[in-house]
Amino acid sequence: MCKRSISILLLLTMMIVSLVASGCGDDSQNASTNPNSSGNSGKKLVIYTSMKESLIGGIVTGFKAKYPDIDVDYQSAGAGKIMAKLAAEQQSGHIMADIIWTSEVPDFYQMKNDGMLEKYQPNGFEELLNPFDDYDGSFTAARFGTLGIVINTEKITKPPTTWEEIATDPAYKNSFGIADPALSGTAYMSVALLEKEFGWDYLVRLHDNGAIKSKGSGRVIDDTATGTLKACLGVDYITATKIDKGSTLKMIYPKELLMVPSPVAILKNADHVDSAKKFIDYVLTQEAQQKVADAGTVPIRSDVKMPEKYNLPTPEEALENGIKISYTEILPKKEETIKKFSELFK
């Protein structure tokens, strides 16, 4: 064979080897970055949650310490974005997540009705405080989220004692913020609770006093911390994080307590059901619920030490004093409520 032919043959061989090697490299990379890949012995767990990093980060760290062979990928966003993502994935034929954990309770009833949730009653359930009278294992409360009036103490020298003050006091004119219920599960639930307790006219009075719609539960507290707003309707543990960082914020709880359970659930046909069950069991242990309390929100166990610096209600107080509402009754009204709110707070 002439030298020219040999050279061409060697070149073609090298190209084929290069292409094969390149293809293997791409497969390996995809396996390591795909949240639902089986690169970690088929035990990678995917969580969609509206919990902020200050809460979910510590929970995942504790879980991985207990189960080092289970890798975890969590994606945090507002409840509205999470539900939109799930809807898109369901339409495509495969939901990527194994677990969903947010604070928009009606969404869980809707998912239950749609057959999207796997029933699972966690180990030690009898030790928990359960806010759901119709509990059947489709979802379980992982914390009692509370919302209150968050004030910037450099802007407000006389703290409010009632919800009505926010809606009528000139001190809060054009300077009180509330997160958009279309984006935030806790914001939607707080609007529903306020309407239940005081009627829609209360939201109108808030608007007439210049209340401002903000983009999310974190943003509204950020704006209060910087002084852009004097006060806001704020989530407990997001406020606690800012206080820990030196912000001049204070949480005020009027007697009508806004308590929003945060359910956690396993999605139907999840890729990693066994790992998901282990995660839910862990979230509800005393160890994990102590992390919940230390993050500045209310646990669902009575055997957890509550940090005094956040002035939180106890789990028993949150369950007993929270405004009572029928989640199945407000479920059909969700879109209407959000639309009314959006039209009011243009």
Protein backbone atom coordinates (compact mmCIF):
# COMPACT_ATOMS: atom_id res chain seq x y z
CA MET A 1 0.00 0.00 0.00
CA CYS A 2 1.40 3.44 -0.93
CA LYS A 3 2.32 5.94 1.76
CA ARG A 4 -0.53 8.26 0.68
CA SER A 5 -3.15 5.50 1.23
CA ILE A 6 -1.67 4.59 4.60
CA SER A 7 -1.78 8.22 5.72
CA ILE A 8 -5.44 8.59 4.70
CA LEU A 9 -6.35 5.33 6.50
CA LEU A 10 -4.60 6.46 9.69
CA LEU A 11 -6.34 9.83 9.55
CA LEU A 12 -9.78 8.23 9.15
CA THR A 13 -9.06 5.84 12.05
CA MET A 14 -8.04 8.71 14.31
CA MET A 15 -11.20 10.64 13.41
CA ILE A 16 -13.44 7.67 14.27
CA VAL A 17 -11.68 7.10 17.60
CA SER A 18 -12.01 10.79 18.38
CA LEU A 19 -15.76 10.81 17.62
CA VAL A 20 -16.38 7.73 19.80
CA ALA A 21 -14.39 9.19 22.66
CA SER A 22 -16.24 12.49 22.31
CA GLY A 23 -19.60 10.74 22.37
CA CYS A 24 -18.73 8.82 25.54
CA GLY A 25 -17.60 12.04 27.16
CA ASP A 26 -20.94 13.73 26.44
CA ASP A 27 -22.89 10.80 27.90
CA SER A 28 -20.81 10.90 31.05
CA GLN A 29 -21.35 14.63 31.46
CA ASN A 30 -25.11 14.33 31.00
CA ALA A 31 -25.29 11.56 33.58
CA SER A 32 -23.60 13.74 36.16
CA THR A 33 -25.73 16.85 35.58
CA ASN A 34 -29.17 15.37 34.95
CA PRO A 35 -31.11 15.63 38.26
CA ASN A 36 -32.87 12.33 37.59
CA SER A 37 -29.91 10.39 36.26
CA SER A 38 -28.92 7.05 37.79
CA GLY A 39 -25.28 8.08 38.04
CA ASN A 40 -25.50 7.92 41.84
CA SER A 41 -26.68 4.31 42.11
CA GLY A 42 -30.14 5.44 41.02
CA LYS A 43 -30.66 7.31 44.32
CA LYS A 44 -30.54 10.96 43.28
CA LEU A 45 -33.46 12.82 44.82
CA VAL A 46 -35.06 15.90 43.21
CA ILE A 47 -37.00 18.42 45.29
CA TYR A 48 -39.06 21.37 44.07
CA THR A 49 -39.63 23.81 46.92
CA SER A 50 -40.59 27.38 47.70
CA MET A 51 -38.52 27.27 50.89
CA LYS A 52 -35.63 29.73 50.89
CA GLU A 53 -32.01 28.63 51.15
CA SER A 54 -31.86 29.54 54.85
CA LEU A 55 -34.33 26.73 55.54
CA ILE A 56 -34.03 24.10 52.82
CA GLY A 57 -30.22 24.26 52.81
CA GLY A 58 -29.89 23.15 56.41
CA ILE A 59 -32.50 20.41 56.01
CA VAL A 60 -30.75 18.94 52.97
CA THR A 61 -27.36 19.10 54.69
CA GLY A 62 -28.74 17.17 57.67
CA PHE A 63 -30.41 14.61 55.41
CA LYS A 64 -27.23 14.00 53.40
CA ALA A 65 -25.27 13.52 56.63
CA LYS A 66 -27.73 10.79 57.61
CA TYR A 67 -27.92 9.27 54.11
CA PRO A 68 -24.56 9.97 52.42
CA ASP A 69 -25.36 7.53 49.59
CA ILE A 70 -28.36 9.63 48.45
CA ASP A 71 -27.51 12.65 46.35
CA VAL A 72 -29.99 15.54 46.44
CA ASP A 73 -30.87 18.25 43.95
CA TYR A 74 -33.30 20.95 45.09
CA GLN A 75 -34.72 23.81 43.09
CA SER A 76 -36.17 26.77 44.98
CA ALA A 77 -38.68 29.21 43.47
CA GLY A 78 -42.04 30.79 44.21
CA ALA A 79 -44.99 28.43 44.42
CA GLY A 80 -46.53 29.89 41.25
CA LYS A 81 -43.40 29.18 39.22
CA ILE A 82 -43.09 25.69 40.66
CA MET A 83 -46.66 24.80 39.73
CA ALA A 84 -46.12 26.16 36.22
CA LYS A 85 -42.98 24.04 35.91
CA LEU A 86 -44.82 20.92 37.08
CA ALA A 87 -47.63 21.58 34.62
CA ALA A 88 -45.15 21.90 31.75
CA GLU A 89 -43.35 18.71 32.77
CA GLN A 90 -46.63 16.84 33.12
CA GLN A 91 -47.57 17.96 29.63
CA SER A 92 -44.24 16.68 28.30
CA GLY A 93 -44.93 13.26 29.81
CA HIS A 94 -42.44 13.12 32.70
CA ILE A 95 -42.26 15.09 35.95
CA MET A 96 -38.63 15.48 36.98
CA ALA A 97 -39.24 16.08 40.70
CA ASP A 98 -39.73 13.43 43.37
CA ILE A 99 -40.88 15.79 46.15
CA ILE A 100 -42.78 19.06 46.29
CA TRP A 101 -42.69 21.32 49.36
CA THR A 102 -44.40 24.71 49.27
CA SER A 103 -46.84 26.76 51.35
CA GLU A 104 -49.79 27.05 48.97
CA VAL A 105 -52.07 24.47 50.56
CA PRO A 106 -54.83 24.59 47.91
CA ASP A 107 -52.29 23.47 45.30
CA PHE A 108 -51.85 20.22 47.23
CA TYR A 109 -55.59 19.59 47.31
CA GLN A 110 -55.67 20.22 43.56
CA MET A 111 -52.76 17.83 42.96
CA LYS A 112 -54.48 15.27 45.18
CA ASN A 113 -57.69 15.62 43.16
CA ASP A 114 -55.70 15.27 39.93
CA GLY A 115 -54.05 12.04 41.14
CA MET A 116 -50.57 13.58 41.17
CA LEU A 117 -49.58 12.63 44.73
CA GLU A 118 -48.36 9.38 46.25
CA LYS A 119 -49.97 8.59 49.60
CA TYR A 120 -47.46 8.16 52.40
CA GLN A 121 -47.94 8.49 56.15
CA PRO A 122 -44.48 9.16 57.59
CA ASN A 123 -42.92 7.23 60.43
CA GLY A 124 -43.73 8.77 63.80
CA PHE A 125 -46.78 10.61 62.49
CA GLU A 126 -48.48 10.26 65.87
CA GLU A 127 -45.78 12.56 67.35
CA LEU A 128 -46.69 15.45 65.01
CA LEU A 129 -49.21 18.27 65.27
CA ASN A 130 -51.51 17.85 62.28
CA PRO A 131 -53.49 20.84 60.93
CA PHE A 132 -55.48 18.85 58.36
CA ASP A 133 -58.77 17.35 59.57
CA ASP A 134 -59.09 15.35 56.34
CA TYR A 135 -55.53 13.99 56.43
CA ASP A 136 -55.07 10.83 54.35
CA GLY A 137 -51.32 10.73 53.73
CA SER A 138 -51.39 12.56 50.39
CA PHE A 139 -49.38 15.38 51.98
CA THR A 140 -48.08 16.20 55.45
CA ALA A 141 -47.40 19.55 57.10
CA ALA A 142 -43.65 20.13 57.50
CA ARG A 143 -43.91 23.44 59.37
CA PHE A 144 -46.42 26.01 60.58
CA GLY A 145 -45.44 29.11 58.64
CA THR A 146 -46.55 32.35 60.24
CA LEU A 147 -46.92 35.82 58.76
CA GLY A 148 -47.03 39.08 60.64
CA ILE A 149 -46.56 42.80 60.25
CA VAL A 150 -42.85 43.40 59.70
CA ILE A 151 -41.76 46.94 60.52
CA ASN A 152 -38.51 48.80 59.95
CA THR A 153 -37.88 50.13 63.46
CA GLU A 154 -36.01 53.13 62.07
CA LYS A 155 -39.13 54.17 60.14
CA ILE A 156 -41.89 53.10 62.57
CA THR A 157 -41.35 54.08 66.20
CA LYS A 158 -44.76 52.99 67.48
CA PRO A 159 -45.38 49.34 66.51
CA PRO A 160 -48.92 48.46 65.39
CA THR A 161 -51.04 46.13 67.47
CA THR A 162 -53.86 45.38 65.00
CA TRP A 163 -54.27 44.61 61.30
CA GLU A 164 -56.65 47.56 60.99
CA GLU A 165 -53.89 50.06 61.73
CA ILE A 166 -52.07 49.05 58.55
CA ALA A 167 -55.18 49.73 56.50
CA THR A 168 -56.08 53.11 58.05
CA ASP A 169 -53.11 54.71 59.83
CA PRO A 170 -51.48 57.51 57.77
CA ALA A 171 -48.10 56.30 59.09
CA TYR A 172 -48.33 53.43 56.56
CA LYS A 173 -49.66 55.53 53.66
CA ASN A 174 -47.95 54.40 50.43
CA SER A 175 -45.34 52.50 52.42
CA PHE A 176 -46.76 49.05 53.26
CA GLY A 177 -45.90 46.11 51.01
CA ILE A 178 -47.57 42.79 50.29
CA ALA A 179 -46.18 40.06 48.04
CA ASP A 180 -47.98 39.17 44.81
CA PRO A 181 -50.27 36.18 45.52
CA ALA A 182 -49.88 35.07 41.90
CA LEU A 183 -46.19 34.36 42.60
CA SER A 184 -46.04 33.48 46.29
CA GLY A 185 -47.96 30.66 47.97
CA THR A 186 -47.69 32.27 51.41
CA ALA A 187 -48.89 35.59 49.98
CA TYR A 188 -51.95 33.94 48.43
CA MET A 189 -52.75 32.13 51.66
CA SER A 190 -52.33 35.34 53.69
CA VAL A 191 -54.75 37.18 51.38
CA ALA A 192 -57.24 34.31 51.72
CA LEU A 193 -56.91 34.34 55.51
CA LEU A 194 -57.31 38.11 55.78
CA GLU A 195 -60.38 37.97 53.56
CA LYS A 196 -61.81 35.14 55.65
CA GLU A 197 -61.30 37.06 58.90
CA PHE A 198 -62.10 40.65 57.87
CA GLY A 199 -63.82 40.44 54.47
CA TRP A 200 -62.65 41.69 51.07
CA ASP A 201 -63.28 45.27 52.20
CA TYR A 202 -60.16 44.98 54.35
CA LEU A 203 -58.04 44.44 51.22
CA VAL A 204 -59.76 47.46 49.67
CA ARG A 205 -58.86 49.57 52.71
CA LEU A 206 -55.27 48.38 52.43
CA HIS A 207 -55.24 49.50 48.80
CA ASP A 208 -56.84 52.84 49.64
CA ASN A 209 -54.09 53.45 52.20
CA GLY A 210 -51.54 53.00 49.44
CA ALA A 211 -50.41 49.41 50.04
CA ILE A 212 -47.97 48.27 47.36
CA LYS A 213 -47.85 44.91 45.58
CA SER A 214 -44.33 43.46 45.58
CA LYS A 215 -42.83 40.72 43.42
CA GLY A 216 -42.29 38.07 46.08
CA SER A 217 -42.07 37.13 49.74
CA GLY A 218 -38.34 37.80 49.86
CA ARG A 219 -38.45 41.03 47.88
CA VAL A 220 -41.07 42.68 50.08
CA ILE A 221 -38.93 42.08 53.18
CA ASP A 222 -35.80 43.28 51.37
CA ASP A 223 -37.57 46.54 50.54
CA THR A 224 -38.63 46.95 54.16
CA ALA A 225 -35.09 46.27 55.37
CA THR A 226 -33.65 48.94 53.06
CA GLY A 227 -36.29 51.49 54.05
CA THR A 228 -37.98 51.60 50.65
CA LEU A 229 -41.04 50.43 52.57
CA LYS A 230 -41.80 51.19 56.21
CA ALA A 231 -43.52 47.86 56.79
CA CYS A 232 -44.84 44.77 55.03
CA LEU A 233 -46.78 41.55 55.39
CA GLY A 234 -43.85 39.23 56.00
CA VAL A 235 -42.99 35.56 56.40
CA ASP A 236 -41.42 34.57 59.71
CA TYR A 237 -38.17 32.84 58.70
CA ILE A 238 -37.36 35.22 55.83
CA THR A 239 -37.65 38.08 58.31
CA ALA A 240 -35.53 36.17 60.84
CA THR A 241 -32.74 35.77 58.28
CA LYS A 242 -32.66 39.53 57.73
CA ILE A 243 -32.68 40.23 61.46
CA ASP A 244 -29.76 37.83 61.94
CA LYS A 245 -27.85 39.85 59.34
CA GLY A 246 -28.39 43.09 61.23
CA SER A 247 -31.50 44.55 59.61
CA THR A 248 -33.58 46.83 61.82
CA LEU A 249 -36.73 44.74 61.45
CA LYS A 250 -39.28 43.53 63.96
CA MET A 251 -42.11 41.05 63.52
CA ILE A 252 -45.47 42.02 65.04
CA TYR A 253 -48.19 39.38 65.55
CA PRO A 254 -51.73 40.75 65.96
CA LYS A 255 -54.09 38.43 67.83
CA GLU A 256 -55.59 37.15 64.56
CA LEU A 257 -52.68 34.88 63.64
CA LEU A 258 -51.89 34.17 60.00
CA MET A 259 -50.68 30.57 60.10
CA VAL A 260 -50.00 28.76 56.83
CA PRO A 261 -49.03 25.07 56.96
CA SER A 262 -46.29 24.10 54.53
CA PRO A 263 -47.11 20.67 53.10
CA VAL A 264 -44.55 18.25 51.73
CA ALA A 265 -45.54 15.41 49.40
CA ILE A 266 -44.22 12.70 47.08
CA LEU A 267 -45.23 13.05 43.45
CA LYS A 268 -46.96 10.10 41.81
CA ASN A 269 -44.67 7.79 39.83
CA ALA A 270 -41.61 9.54 41.24
CA ASP A 271 -38.32 8.09 40.05
CA HIS A 272 -36.97 7.71 43.58
CA VAL A 273 -39.88 6.89 45.88
CA ASP A 274 -37.81 5.11 48.55
CA SER A 275 -35.42 8.05 48.86
CA ALA A 276 -38.37 10.45 48.91
CA LYS A 277 -39.93 8.56 51.84
CA LYS A 278 -36.64 8.74 53.72
CA PHE A 279 -36.47 12.50 53.12
CA ILE A 280 -40.00 13.12 54.38
CA ASP A 281 -39.35 10.94 57.44
CA TYR A 282 -36.21 12.99 58.13
CA VAL A 283 -37.90 16.39 57.68
CA LEU A 284 -40.35 15.47 60.43
CA THR A 285 -37.79 14.17 62.95
CA GLN A 286 -36.92 16.15 66.06
CA GLU A 287 -33.46 16.84 64.60
CA ALA A 288 -34.80 18.38 61.39
CA GLN A 289 -37.65 20.22 63.14
CA GLN A 290 -35.08 21.82 65.44
CA LYS A 291 -33.46 23.18 62.27
CA VAL A 292 -36.87 24.51 61.26
CA ALA A 293 -37.22 26.37 64.58
CA ASP A 294 -33.63 27.63 64.49
CA ALA A 295 -34.30 29.06 61.02
CA GLY A 296 -37.02 31.25 62.53
CA THR A 297 -40.27 29.46 61.77
CA VAL A 298 -42.65 27.21 63.68
CA PRO A 299 -42.09 23.42 63.76
CA ILE A 300 -44.84 20.81 63.79
CA ARG A 301 -43.46 19.07 66.89
CA SER A 302 -43.94 20.08 70.51
CA ASP A 303 -40.60 18.56 71.61
CA VAL A 304 -38.48 21.23 69.90
CA LYS A 305 -36.84 24.16 71.69
CA MET A 306 -38.07 27.50 70.34
CA PRO A 307 -35.49 30.30 69.97
CA GLU A 308 -36.58 33.28 72.06
CA LYS A 309 -35.02 35.92 69.80
CA TYR A 310 -37.66 35.53 67.07
CA ASN A 311 -40.70 35.87 69.38
CA LEU A 312 -42.46 33.06 67.52
CA PRO A 313 -45.64 31.41 68.72
CA THR A 314 -45.23 27.85 69.96
CA PRO A 315 -46.41 25.04 67.70
CA GLU A 316 -49.45 24.55 69.92
CA GLU A 317 -50.27 28.28 69.82
CA ALA A 318 -49.88 28.40 66.05
CA LEU A 319 -52.23 25.46 65.60
CA GLU A 320 -54.80 26.74 68.10
CA ASN A 321 -54.77 30.48 67.34
CA GLY A 322 -54.28 30.47 63.58
CA ILE A 323 -57.25 31.77 61.57
CA LYS A 324 -59.29 28.74 60.58
CA ILE A 325 -60.11 28.24 56.94
CA SER A 326 -61.47 25.44 54.74
CA TYR A 327 -58.85 24.72 52.10
CA THR A 328 -61.31 22.79 49.96
CA GLU A 329 -63.68 25.78 49.99
CA ILE A 330 -61.05 28.31 48.89
CA LEU A 331 -59.57 26.01 46.23
CA PRO A 332 -62.19 26.84 43.57
CA LYS A 333 -61.83 30.57 44.41
CA LYS A 334 -58.04 30.74 44.01
CA GLU A 335 -57.92 32.12 40.47
CA GLU A 336 -60.75 34.53 41.18
CA THR A 337 -59.03 35.80 44.35
CA ILE A 338 -55.72 36.34 42.55
CA LYS A 339 -57.50 38.12 39.69
CA LYS A 340 -59.38 40.39 42.10
CA PHE A 341 -56.18 41.21 43.93
CA SER A 342 -54.29 41.93 40.71
CA GLU A 343 -57.04 44.24 39.47
CA LEU A 344 -57.16 46.03 42.80
CA PHE A 345 -53.39 46.44 43.15
CA LYS A 346 -52.53 47.40 39.59
